[in-house]
Amino acid sequence: MWERFSYYGMRALLVLFMTDVVAHGGLGMTVVTATALYGLYTFAVYAVALPGGWIADRLTGQRQAVLIGGVIIAVGHLTLAIPTLSAFYLGLALIVVGTGLLKPSVSAIVADLYPEGGARRDAGFSIFYMGINVGALAGPLVCGTLGERVNWHLGFSAAGVGMIFGVVQYVRGWRHLGDAGLLRQQAGDDRVSALRSFWWGTGVVVALVVVVTWLQRSGVFAFSILAVAQATGTTMAALVLLYFAYIFVFGRLSHDERRRVAVIPVLFVAAAVFWSGYEQTGSSLNLFADGLTNRMVLGMEVPTTWLQSVNPLFIILLAPVVGALWVRLGSKNPSIPAKFTYGLLLLGLGFLVLAWGATFTTDGLVSPMWLVVTYFFHTVGELCLSPVGLSSITKLSPKRLVGQMMGIWFMATALGSLFAGLVAGLVESLALPQLFGAVGLIVIGGGVVMLLASGPVRRLAGDVR
């Protein structure tokens, strides 16, 4: 809850802060640059979950990884409170590293609490998801109001304080977790090999950052944020393909494991398409709320960031209903691909609603209810896909690879988030009805493809539902 409070509180401010004029304390970036940087940041937050999951599996265990990640996130948010450009980039980098350690590991711990799997684990993840969204609801209201109405950096500070509360609460609650998230016993040679790989990987990353920074400052190459975002998307998509190939060839999978793991790339693509639309909440939809909606209520203009709390509010209200529905359906519980299909179709419908609402912006500001209705469809779609996806990955993955496979799941979110940032950059150059309408139709097309693939996917998944 507290980690999401800090993350969503800061995320609600990020694009608004970057595009605000320098005289008001912002960075004065163009929309194209700001949304590309936003896409890179949200991409990195989820992409680092893959090495973070590996570190938890091989070196620390999930429980320690969550603690270390939480401390790093808190430091990152407090660094953002320092009003310099270098502190801004350093703070974002620290949050990325910390979230990469925390996010896949905390989900794996929840899975450990439901070893029997099945619909009860699905319901457990829905409750977990609701707890996450209590923080996501409060973050934009508290951090957003302080940042937007008082001082941007005060909002970032509030996010850091929230993360400190999260770390304290987590340590105090360890006694309730049993052996969930503890490092599994492994041979001494395996641990030495893992440590060697960790330090080599860290060295490569540090060297790469140093070289790129030197090239940029020396003028040898000029890197635009937009170009980096585009190149990153292409490179990471290729790396994901190589990773799946590596797992199938060298992962020592049994016949049944191979069949179940073969489902994960299908879910990966569907999830990436979903998040490429959904993650525009903090970019294009936030800019739409800021510049094109009438937010006057009882003579007071509601802060833009408050609309970022609509989605988590819907999740809090609907997550228990959806979780109970999956349990009540029992043997009639929809299959994994069916739930993914529902999620994509509902997301696409939400964008079509907003495309309709955007046609009225030529006459002035429009009601924020267009966004509220859009968020309703997006939320129901998210509840069909996201918690079910988290649970499905833990059930489809071999136990020894669950941390890495959770990282792969978040890599789908990473690529979708990066693409969402690139698409959001078209807000100023493309008519909004066409932009939102095109996104809606593409996502609905993905839902139709998922529907057609449901039969083969169910057969590969076997008894995993």
Protein backbone atom coordinates (compact mmCIF):
# COMPACT_ATOMS: atom_id res chain seq x y z
CA MET A 1 0.00 0.00 0.00
CA TRP A 2 2.70 2.50 1.01
CA GLU A 3 4.90 1.67 -1.97
CA ARG A 4 2.01 2.36 -4.33
CA PHE A 5 1.16 5.53 -2.35
CA SER A 6 4.64 6.84 -3.06
CA TYR A 7 4.80 5.63 -6.66
CA TYR A 8 1.37 6.83 -7.83
CA GLY A 9 1.61 10.04 -5.85
CA MET A 10 4.84 10.87 -7.65
CA ARG A 11 3.63 9.53 -11.01
CA ALA A 12 0.57 11.79 -10.97
CA LEU A 13 2.94 14.77 -10.79
CA LEU A 14 5.64 13.66 -13.18
CA VAL A 15 4.40 14.78 -16.64
CA LEU A 16 2.77 17.92 -15.20
CA PHE A 17 6.06 18.83 -13.46
CA MET A 18 8.18 18.20 -16.55
CA THR A 19 5.92 20.25 -18.85
CA ASP A 20 5.38 23.13 -16.41
CA VAL A 21 7.33 26.29 -17.14
CA VAL A 22 10.61 26.86 -15.30
CA ALA A 23 9.23 30.03 -13.70
CA HIS A 24 6.66 27.90 -11.86
CA GLY A 25 9.26 25.39 -10.70
CA GLY A 26 8.86 22.91 -13.58
CA LEU A 27 11.40 21.65 -16.10
CA GLY A 28 9.92 23.38 -19.17
CA MET A 29 10.07 20.27 -21.39
CA THR A 30 7.98 19.83 -24.53
CA VAL A 31 5.13 17.32 -24.40
CA VAL A 32 6.98 14.98 -26.79
CA THR A 33 10.12 14.96 -24.63
CA ALA A 34 8.26 14.75 -21.32
CA THR A 35 6.02 11.85 -22.37
CA ALA A 36 8.98 9.99 -23.93
CA LEU A 37 10.91 10.39 -20.65
CA TYR A 38 7.80 9.32 -18.74
CA GLY A 39 7.58 6.26 -20.97
CA LEU A 40 11.26 5.45 -20.39
CA TYR A 41 10.83 5.82 -16.64
CA THR A 42 7.71 3.63 -16.38
CA PHE A 43 9.39 1.15 -18.74
CA ALA A 44 12.48 0.98 -16.54
CA VAL A 45 10.44 0.58 -13.33
CA TYR A 46 8.97 -2.65 -14.68
CA ALA A 47 11.91 -3.80 -16.83
CA VAL A 48 14.29 -3.92 -13.88
CA ALA A 49 11.87 -6.41 -12.30
CA LEU A 50 13.55 -9.11 -14.42
CA PRO A 51 17.06 -8.77 -12.89
CA GLY A 52 15.36 -7.95 -9.58
CA GLY A 53 13.52 -11.26 -9.68
CA TRP A 54 16.77 -13.05 -10.52
CA ILE A 55 18.54 -11.44 -7.55
CA ALA A 56 15.69 -12.49 -5.24
CA ASP A 57 15.70 -16.07 -6.59
CA ARG A 58 19.47 -16.57 -6.43
CA LEU A 59 20.94 -14.22 -3.82
CA THR A 60 18.61 -12.68 -1.25
CA GLY A 61 15.23 -14.39 -1.23
CA GLN A 62 12.06 -12.43 -1.93
CA ARG A 63 11.63 -11.23 1.65
CA GLN A 64 15.02 -9.49 1.85
CA ALA A 65 14.67 -8.13 -1.69
CA VAL A 66 11.45 -6.34 -0.72
CA LEU A 67 13.16 -4.73 2.29
CA ILE A 68 16.23 -3.59 0.33
CA GLY A 69 14.07 -2.31 -2.51
CA GLY A 70 11.81 -0.37 -0.16
CA VAL A 71 14.74 1.45 1.43
CA ILE A 72 16.18 2.39 -1.98
CA ILE A 73 12.77 3.67 -3.17
CA ALA A 74 12.44 5.88 -0.08
CA VAL A 75 15.89 7.39 -0.73
CA GLY A 76 14.93 7.95 -4.38
CA HIS A 77 11.77 9.89 -3.57
CA LEU A 78 13.58 12.05 -1.05
CA THR A 79 16.27 12.72 -3.67
CA LEU A 80 13.54 13.98 -6.04
CA ALA A 81 12.71 16.59 -3.41
CA ILE A 82 16.04 18.30 -4.13
CA PRO A 83 15.32 21.03 -6.75
CA THR A 84 18.11 20.28 -9.24
CA LEU A 85 18.05 18.48 -12.59
CA SER A 86 20.77 16.02 -11.58
CA ALA A 87 18.85 15.12 -8.41
CA PHE A 88 15.73 14.60 -10.52
CA TYR A 89 17.44 12.02 -12.75
CA LEU A 90 19.24 10.37 -9.81
CA GLY A 91 15.97 10.09 -7.89
CA LEU A 92 14.22 8.45 -10.83
CA ALA A 93 17.11 5.98 -11.19
CA LEU A 94 16.98 5.01 -7.50
CA ILE A 95 13.21 4.45 -7.66
CA VAL A 96 13.72 2.25 -10.72
CA VAL A 97 16.32 0.08 -8.94
CA GLY A 98 14.29 -0.21 -5.74
CA THR A 99 11.04 -1.05 -7.49
CA GLY A 100 12.81 -3.68 -9.59
CA LEU A 101 13.78 -5.48 -6.38
CA LEU A 102 10.47 -5.01 -4.60
CA LYS A 103 7.76 -5.49 -7.19
CA PRO A 104 8.27 -9.09 -8.45
CA SER A 105 9.30 -10.30 -5.01
CA VAL A 106 6.27 -9.04 -3.12
CA SER A 107 3.97 -10.78 -5.62
CA ALA A 108 5.96 -14.00 -5.26
CA ILE A 109 5.53 -13.81 -1.47
CA VAL A 110 1.75 -13.54 -1.90
CA ALA A 111 1.84 -16.64 -4.12
CA ASP A 112 3.76 -18.50 -1.37
CA LEU A 113 0.90 -17.78 1.03
CA TYR A 114 -1.49 -19.80 -1.21
CA PRO A 115 0.51 -22.98 -2.04
CA GLU A 116 -2.61 -24.82 -3.19
CA GLY A 117 -3.15 -22.36 -6.07
CA GLY A 118 -6.53 -22.36 -7.82
CA ALA A 119 -9.33 -19.83 -7.51
CA ARG A 120 -8.37 -19.09 -3.88
CA ARG A 121 -5.01 -17.74 -5.05
CA ASP A 122 -6.82 -15.65 -7.69
CA ALA A 123 -9.04 -14.22 -4.95
CA GLY A 124 -6.01 -13.65 -2.73
CA PHE A 125 -4.30 -11.66 -5.47
CA SER A 126 -7.46 -9.60 -5.93
CA ILE A 127 -7.40 -8.71 -2.21
CA PHE A 128 -3.68 -7.93 -2.52
CA TYR A 129 -4.50 -5.78 -5.54
CA MET A 130 -7.14 -3.92 -3.54
CA GLY A 131 -4.58 -3.15 -0.83
CA ILE A 132 -2.20 -1.82 -3.45
CA ASN A 133 -4.91 0.50 -4.72
CA VAL A 134 -5.66 1.98 -1.31
CA GLY A 135 -2.18 3.48 -1.64
CA ALA A 136 -2.74 4.36 -5.30
CA LEU A 137 -5.93 6.20 -4.30
CA ALA A 138 -4.34 8.22 -1.51
CA GLY A 139 -1.07 9.04 -3.30
CA PRO A 140 -2.42 11.44 -5.96
CA LEU A 141 -4.73 13.09 -3.42
CA VAL A 142 -1.94 13.82 -0.91
CA CYS A 143 1.24 14.08 -2.99
CA GLY A 144 -0.62 15.47 -6.01
CA THR A 145 -2.29 18.27 -4.07
CA LEU A 146 0.93 19.28 -2.30
CA GLY A 147 2.93 19.18 -5.52
CA GLU A 148 0.41 20.84 -7.81
CA ARG A 149 -0.88 23.51 -5.42
CA VAL A 150 2.09 24.18 -3.09
CA ASN A 151 5.45 23.00 -4.46
CA TRP A 152 6.36 20.16 -6.82
CA HIS A 153 9.22 19.00 -4.60
CA LEU A 154 7.03 18.98 -1.50
CA GLY A 155 4.84 16.44 -3.31
CA PHE A 156 7.89 14.28 -4.03
CA SER A 157 8.91 14.55 -0.33
CA ALA A 158 5.49 13.30 0.78
CA ALA A 159 5.95 10.27 -1.46
CA GLY A 160 9.26 9.52 0.27
CA VAL A 161 7.71 9.77 3.72
CA GLY A 162 5.02 7.31 2.64
CA MET A 163 7.66 4.82 1.53
CA ILE A 164 9.42 5.10 4.91
CA PHE A 165 6.13 4.19 6.62
CA GLY A 166 5.91 1.22 4.23
CA VAL A 167 9.35 -0.11 5.17
CA VAL A 168 8.61 0.15 8.91
CA GLN A 169 5.23 -1.57 8.55
CA TYR A 170 6.73 -4.35 6.42
CA VAL A 171 9.47 -5.22 8.94
CA ARG A 172 6.96 -5.21 11.81
CA GLY A 173 4.75 -7.63 9.87
CA TRP A 174 7.39 -10.30 9.11
CA ARG A 175 6.14 -12.57 11.90
CA HIS A 176 2.94 -13.19 9.93
CA LEU A 177 4.67 -14.51 6.80
CA GLY A 178 5.92 -17.90 8.01
CA ASP A 179 8.54 -19.14 5.54
CA ALA A 180 7.06 -17.24 2.58
CA GLY A 181 9.74 -15.41 0.58
CA LEU A 182 12.76 -16.95 2.29
CA LEU A 183 15.78 -17.88 0.16
CA ARG A 184 15.62 -21.52 -0.86
CA GLN A 185 18.60 -23.71 -0.04
CA GLN A 186 21.14 -23.96 -2.86
CA ALA A 187 24.59 -25.44 -3.36
CA GLY A 188 27.61 -23.31 -2.47
CA ASP A 189 28.90 -23.36 -6.05
CA ASP A 190 25.55 -22.07 -7.32
CA ARG A 191 25.68 -19.12 -4.93
CA VAL A 192 29.28 -18.26 -5.87
CA SER A 193 28.31 -18.38 -9.55
CA ALA A 194 25.30 -16.15 -8.90
CA LEU A 195 27.42 -13.59 -7.02
CA ARG A 196 29.97 -13.56 -9.85
CA SER A 197 27.20 -12.98 -12.41
CA PHE A 198 25.71 -10.20 -10.26
CA TRP A 199 28.97 -8.27 -10.02
CA TRP A 200 29.76 -8.73 -13.72
CA GLY A 201 26.28 -7.48 -14.63
CA THR A 202 26.56 -4.51 -12.28
CA GLY A 203 29.94 -3.62 -13.76
CA VAL A 204 28.59 -3.73 -17.31
CA VAL A 205 25.66 -1.46 -16.43
CA VAL A 206 27.87 1.07 -14.64
CA ALA A 207 30.36 1.09 -17.52
CA LEU A 208 27.56 1.58 -20.05
CA VAL A 209 26.14 4.53 -18.11
CA VAL A 210 29.58 6.14 -17.83
CA VAL A 211 30.31 5.72 -21.56
CA VAL A 212 26.92 7.04 -22.69
CA THR A 213 27.18 10.04 -20.33
CA TRP A 214 30.68 10.84 -21.60
CA LEU A 215 29.61 10.58 -25.24
CA GLN A 216 26.65 12.87 -24.61
CA ARG A 217 28.65 15.52 -22.74
CA SER A 218 31.60 15.43 -25.13
CA GLY A 219 29.34 15.99 -28.13
CA VAL A 220 30.44 12.81 -29.93
CA PHE A 221 26.81 11.73 -30.17
CA ALA A 222 23.66 13.70 -29.46
CA PHE A 223 21.00 11.52 -27.81
CA SER A 224 17.46 12.82 -27.78
CA ILE A 225 15.16 11.31 -25.17
CA LEU A 226 12.69 10.40 -27.91
CA ALA A 227 15.36 8.52 -29.90
CA VAL A 228 16.53 6.69 -26.78
CA ALA A 229 12.95 5.66 -26.02
CA GLN A 230 12.41 4.31 -29.52
CA ALA A 231 15.70 2.41 -29.56
CA THR A 232 15.04 1.01 -26.10
CA GLY A 233 11.70 -0.42 -27.17
CA THR A 234 13.20 -2.23 -30.16
CA THR A 235 16.18 -3.54 -28.19
CA MET A 236 14.19 -4.82 -25.24
CA ALA A 237 11.62 -6.57 -27.42
CA ALA A 238 14.49 -8.45 -29.06
CA LEU A 239 15.99 -9.33 -25.68
CA VAL A 240 12.69 -10.73 -24.45
CA LEU A 241 12.53 -13.00 -27.49
CA LEU A 242 16.08 -14.18 -26.77
CA TYR A 243 15.20 -14.80 -23.12
CA PHE A 244 12.24 -17.01 -24.02
CA ALA A 245 14.42 -18.89 -26.50
CA TYR A 246 17.07 -19.38 -23.80
CA ILE A 247 14.51 -20.73 -21.31
CA PHE A 248 13.14 -23.23 -23.82
CA VAL A 249 16.59 -24.43 -24.96
CA PHE A 250 18.64 -24.30 -21.74
CA GLY A 251 16.00 -24.13 -19.02
CA ARG A 252 15.93 -27.90 -18.38
CA LEU A 253 12.14 -27.97 -18.62
CA SER A 254 10.13 -31.16 -18.37
CA HIS A 255 7.46 -31.89 -20.99
CA ASP A 256 4.63 -30.51 -18.82
CA GLU A 257 6.71 -27.47 -17.79
CA ARG A 258 7.49 -26.73 -21.42
CA ARG A 259 3.80 -26.77 -22.36
CA ARG A 260 2.82 -24.45 -19.51
CA VAL A 261 5.74 -22.07 -20.07
CA ALA A 262 4.73 -21.86 -23.77
CA VAL A 263 1.56 -20.05 -22.62
CA ILE A 264 3.56 -17.21 -21.05
CA PRO A 265 4.73 -15.57 -24.35
CA VAL A 266 1.10 -15.44 -25.51
CA LEU A 267 0.02 -13.76 -22.29
CA PHE A 268 3.08 -11.52 -22.54
CA VAL A 269 2.02 -10.07 -25.90
CA ALA A 270 -1.59 -9.60 -24.77
CA ALA A 271 -0.43 -7.86 -21.60
CA ALA A 272 1.95 -5.57 -23.51
CA VAL A 273 -0.90 -4.47 -25.79
CA PHE A 274 -3.13 -3.87 -22.76
CA TRP A 275 -0.59 -1.75 -20.88
CA SER A 276 0.27 0.28 -23.99
CA GLY A 277 -3.22 1.71 -23.67
CA TYR A 278 -3.78 1.58 -19.95
CA GLU A 279 -0.51 3.30 -18.98
CA GLN A 280 -1.51 6.46 -20.84
CA THR A 281 -3.37 7.33 -17.64
CA GLY A 282 -0.37 9.28 -16.37
CA SER A 283 0.53 10.87 -19.71
CA SER A 284 -2.05 11.58 -22.47
CA LEU A 285 -5.09 11.15 -20.21
CA ASN A 286 -3.45 13.30 -17.53
CA LEU A 287 -2.74 16.03 -20.09
CA PHE A 288 -6.35 15.73 -21.34
CA ALA A 289 -7.57 16.21 -17.75
CA ASP A 290 -5.24 19.18 -17.21
CA GLY A 291 -6.04 21.16 -20.34
CA LEU A 292 -9.42 20.07 -21.66
CA THR A 293 -11.71 19.26 -18.72
CA ASN A 294 -13.83 21.58 -16.60
CA ARG A 295 -12.84 20.70 -13.04
CA MET A 296 -14.77 23.44 -11.24
CA VAL A 297 -16.74 22.08 -8.27
CA LEU A 298 -18.62 24.47 -5.94
CA GLY A 299 -16.52 27.37 -7.17
CA MET A 300 -13.20 25.55 -6.63
CA GLU A 301 -11.03 23.99 -9.32
CA VAL A 302 -10.21 20.41 -8.40
CA PRO A 303 -6.49 19.56 -8.91
CA THR A 304 -5.73 17.60 -12.07
CA THR A 305 -4.00 14.89 -10.04
CA TRP A 306 -7.23 14.01 -8.21
CA LEU A 307 -8.56 12.37 -11.36
CA GLN A 308 -5.63 9.94 -11.09
CA SER A 309 -7.39 8.54 -8.00
CA VAL A 310 -10.55 7.56 -9.90
CA ASN A 311 -9.07 4.31 -11.19
CA PRO A 312 -7.86 3.02 -7.79
CA LEU A 313 -11.17 4.06 -6.24
CA PHE A 314 -13.00 1.86 -8.73
CA ILE A 315 -10.57 -0.98 -8.02
CA ILE A 316 -11.18 -0.74 -4.27
CA LEU A 317 -14.93 -0.92 -4.89
CA LEU A 318 -14.85 -3.64 -7.54
CA ALA A 319 -11.87 -5.87 -6.64
CA PRO A 320 -13.75 -7.74 -3.88
CA VAL A 321 -16.69 -8.24 -6.23
CA VAL A 322 -14.54 -9.63 -9.04
CA GLY A 323 -12.50 -11.80 -6.63
CA ALA A 324 -15.69 -13.25 -5.14
CA LEU A 325 -17.09 -13.81 -8.63
CA TRP A 326 -14.11 -15.97 -9.67
CA VAL A 327 -14.55 -18.12 -6.55
CA ARG A 328 -18.34 -18.39 -6.89
CA LEU A 329 -18.09 -19.52 -10.52
CA GLY A 330 -16.01 -22.51 -9.39
CA SER A 331 -15.69 -24.98 -12.27
CA LYS A 332 -17.31 -22.41 -14.59
CA ASN A 333 -14.57 -19.90 -13.85
CA PRO A 334 -13.49 -18.37 -17.23
CA SER A 335 -10.16 -19.57 -18.56
CA ILE A 336 -7.02 -17.44 -18.43
CA PRO A 337 -7.23 -16.41 -22.14
CA ALA A 338 -10.93 -15.58 -21.73
CA LYS A 339 -10.15 -13.17 -18.89
CA PHE A 340 -7.39 -11.59 -20.96
CA THR A 341 -9.86 -11.17 -23.83
CA TYR A 342 -12.35 -9.40 -21.55
CA GLY A 343 -9.61 -7.09 -20.31
CA LEU A 344 -8.52 -6.02 -23.80
CA LEU A 345 -12.05 -5.48 -25.07
CA LEU A 346 -13.02 -3.35 -22.06
CA LEU A 347 -9.87 -1.24 -22.33
CA GLY A 348 -10.55 -0.60 -26.01
CA LEU A 349 -14.15 0.35 -25.25
CA GLY A 350 -12.93 2.89 -22.71
CA PHE A 351 -10.75 4.59 -25.32
CA LEU A 352 -13.64 4.72 -27.78
CA VAL A 353 -15.71 6.50 -25.12
CA LEU A 354 -12.96 9.08 -24.62
CA ALA A 355 -12.55 9.49 -28.39
CA TRP A 356 -16.25 10.40 -28.50
CA GLY A 357 -15.83 12.85 -25.63
CA ALA A 358 -12.79 14.44 -27.30
CA THR A 359 -14.93 15.48 -30.28
CA PHE A 360 -16.59 18.07 -28.01
CA THR A 361 -13.34 19.80 -26.98
CA THR A 362 -13.52 22.06 -30.03
CA ASP A 363 -16.35 23.90 -28.24
CA GLY A 364 -14.44 24.34 -24.99
CA LEU A 365 -13.76 22.33 -21.86
CA VAL A 366 -15.65 19.06 -21.43
CA SER A 367 -16.98 17.30 -18.37
CA PRO A 368 -14.48 15.14 -16.46
CA MET A 369 -17.19 12.45 -16.49
CA TRP A 370 -15.85 11.37 -19.89
CA LEU A 371 -12.63 10.40 -18.12
CA VAL A 372 -14.53 8.84 -15.20
CA VAL A 373 -16.50 6.55 -17.55
CA THR A 374 -13.29 5.69 -19.44
CA TYR A 375 -11.56 4.82 -16.17
CA PHE A 376 -14.51 2.61 -15.20
CA PHE A 377 -14.10 0.47 -18.32
CA HIS A 378 -10.31 0.46 -17.90
CA THR A 379 -10.64 -0.63 -14.27
CA VAL A 380 -12.94 -3.56 -14.99
CA GLY A 381 -10.58 -4.58 -17.80
CA GLU A 382 -7.60 -4.31 -15.46
CA LEU A 383 -9.31 -6.52 -12.85
CA CYS A 384 -9.94 -9.14 -15.52
CA LEU A 385 -6.35 -9.16 -16.70
CA SER A 386 -3.81 -7.88 -14.19
CA PRO A 387 -4.39 -9.79 -10.92
CA VAL A 388 -5.31 -12.89 -12.94
CA GLY A 389 -2.09 -12.46 -14.92
CA LEU A 390 -0.01 -12.19 -11.74
CA SER A 391 -1.60 -15.34 -10.37
CA SER A 392 -1.35 -17.20 -13.71
CA ILE A 393 2.40 -16.59 -14.02
CA THR A 394 3.00 -18.06 -10.57
CA LYS A 395 0.95 -21.14 -11.52
CA LEU A 396 2.43 -21.62 -15.00
CA SER A 397 6.07 -21.10 -13.99
CA PRO A 398 8.37 -23.84 -12.63
CA LYS A 399 8.92 -23.15 -8.93
CA ARG A 400 12.64 -22.53 -9.41
CA LEU A 401 11.95 -19.84 -12.03
CA VAL A 402 8.98 -18.04 -10.49
CA GLY A 403 10.95 -14.87 -9.63
CA GLN A 404 12.34 -14.56 -13.15
CA MET A 405 8.97 -15.27 -14.72
CA MET A 406 7.37 -12.59 -12.55
CA GLY A 407 10.08 -10.31 -13.95
CA ILE A 408 9.04 -11.33 -17.47
CA TRP A 409 5.43 -10.51 -16.64
CA PHE A 410 6.46 -7.02 -15.56
CA MET A 411 8.58 -6.71 -18.71
CA ALA A 412 5.29 -6.86 -20.67
CA THR A 413 4.09 -3.94 -18.57
CA ALA A 414 7.42 -2.20 -19.20
CA LEU A 415 7.20 -2.42 -22.98
CA GLY A 416 3.55 -1.41 -22.91
CA SER A 417 4.38 1.58 -20.71
CA LEU A 418 7.18 2.67 -23.03
CA PHE A 419 4.92 2.49 -26.06
CA ALA A 420 2.22 4.37 -24.12
CA GLY A 421 4.66 7.22 -23.52
CA LEU A 422 5.58 7.37 -27.22
CA VAL A 423 1.93 7.38 -28.28
CA ALA A 424 1.12 10.11 -25.73
CA GLY A 425 3.66 12.35 -27.46
CA LEU A 426 1.22 12.59 -30.38
CA VAL A 427 -1.25 14.57 -28.25
CA GLU A 428 -0.15 17.90 -29.76
CA SER A 429 0.26 16.71 -33.35
CA LEU A 430 -2.77 14.44 -33.86
CA ALA A 431 -6.45 15.19 -33.28
CA LEU A 432 -7.51 13.57 -30.02
CA PRO A 433 -10.57 11.74 -31.42
CA GLN A 434 -8.32 10.08 -34.00
CA LEU A 435 -5.59 9.31 -31.44
CA PHE A 436 -7.87 7.80 -28.80
CA GLY A 437 -9.99 6.08 -31.43
CA ALA A 438 -6.95 4.44 -33.05
CA VAL A 439 -5.69 3.19 -29.68
CA GLY A 440 -9.13 1.79 -28.87
CA LEU A 441 -9.44 -0.10 -32.16
CA ILE A 442 -5.91 -1.55 -31.90
CA VAL A 443 -6.57 -2.83 -28.38
CA ILE A 444 -9.93 -4.31 -29.40
CA GLY A 445 -8.15 -6.02 -32.29
CA GLY A 446 -5.77 -7.55 -29.76
CA GLY A 447 -8.78 -8.83 -27.82
CA VAL A 448 -10.20 -10.48 -30.91
CA VAL A 449 -6.86 -12.21 -31.61
CA MET A 450 -6.72 -13.42 -28.00
CA LEU A 451 -10.24 -14.82 -28.35
CA LEU A 452 -9.23 -16.79 -31.45
CA ALA A 453 -6.15 -18.15 -29.64
CA SER A 454 -8.10 -19.25 -26.54
CA GLY A 455 -8.47 -22.90 -27.56
CA PRO A 456 -4.75 -23.66 -28.13
CA VAL A 457 -3.79 -21.68 -25.03
CA ARG A 458 -6.18 -23.66 -22.83
CA ARG A 459 -4.79 -26.93 -24.12
CA LEU A 460 -1.20 -25.87 -23.42
CA ALA A 461 -2.10 -24.65 -19.92
CA GLY A 462 -3.66 -28.00 -19.05
CA ASP A 463 -5.19 -27.95 -15.58
CA VAL A 464 -3.95 -24.41 -14.83
CA ARG A 465 -6.92 -22.05 -14.81
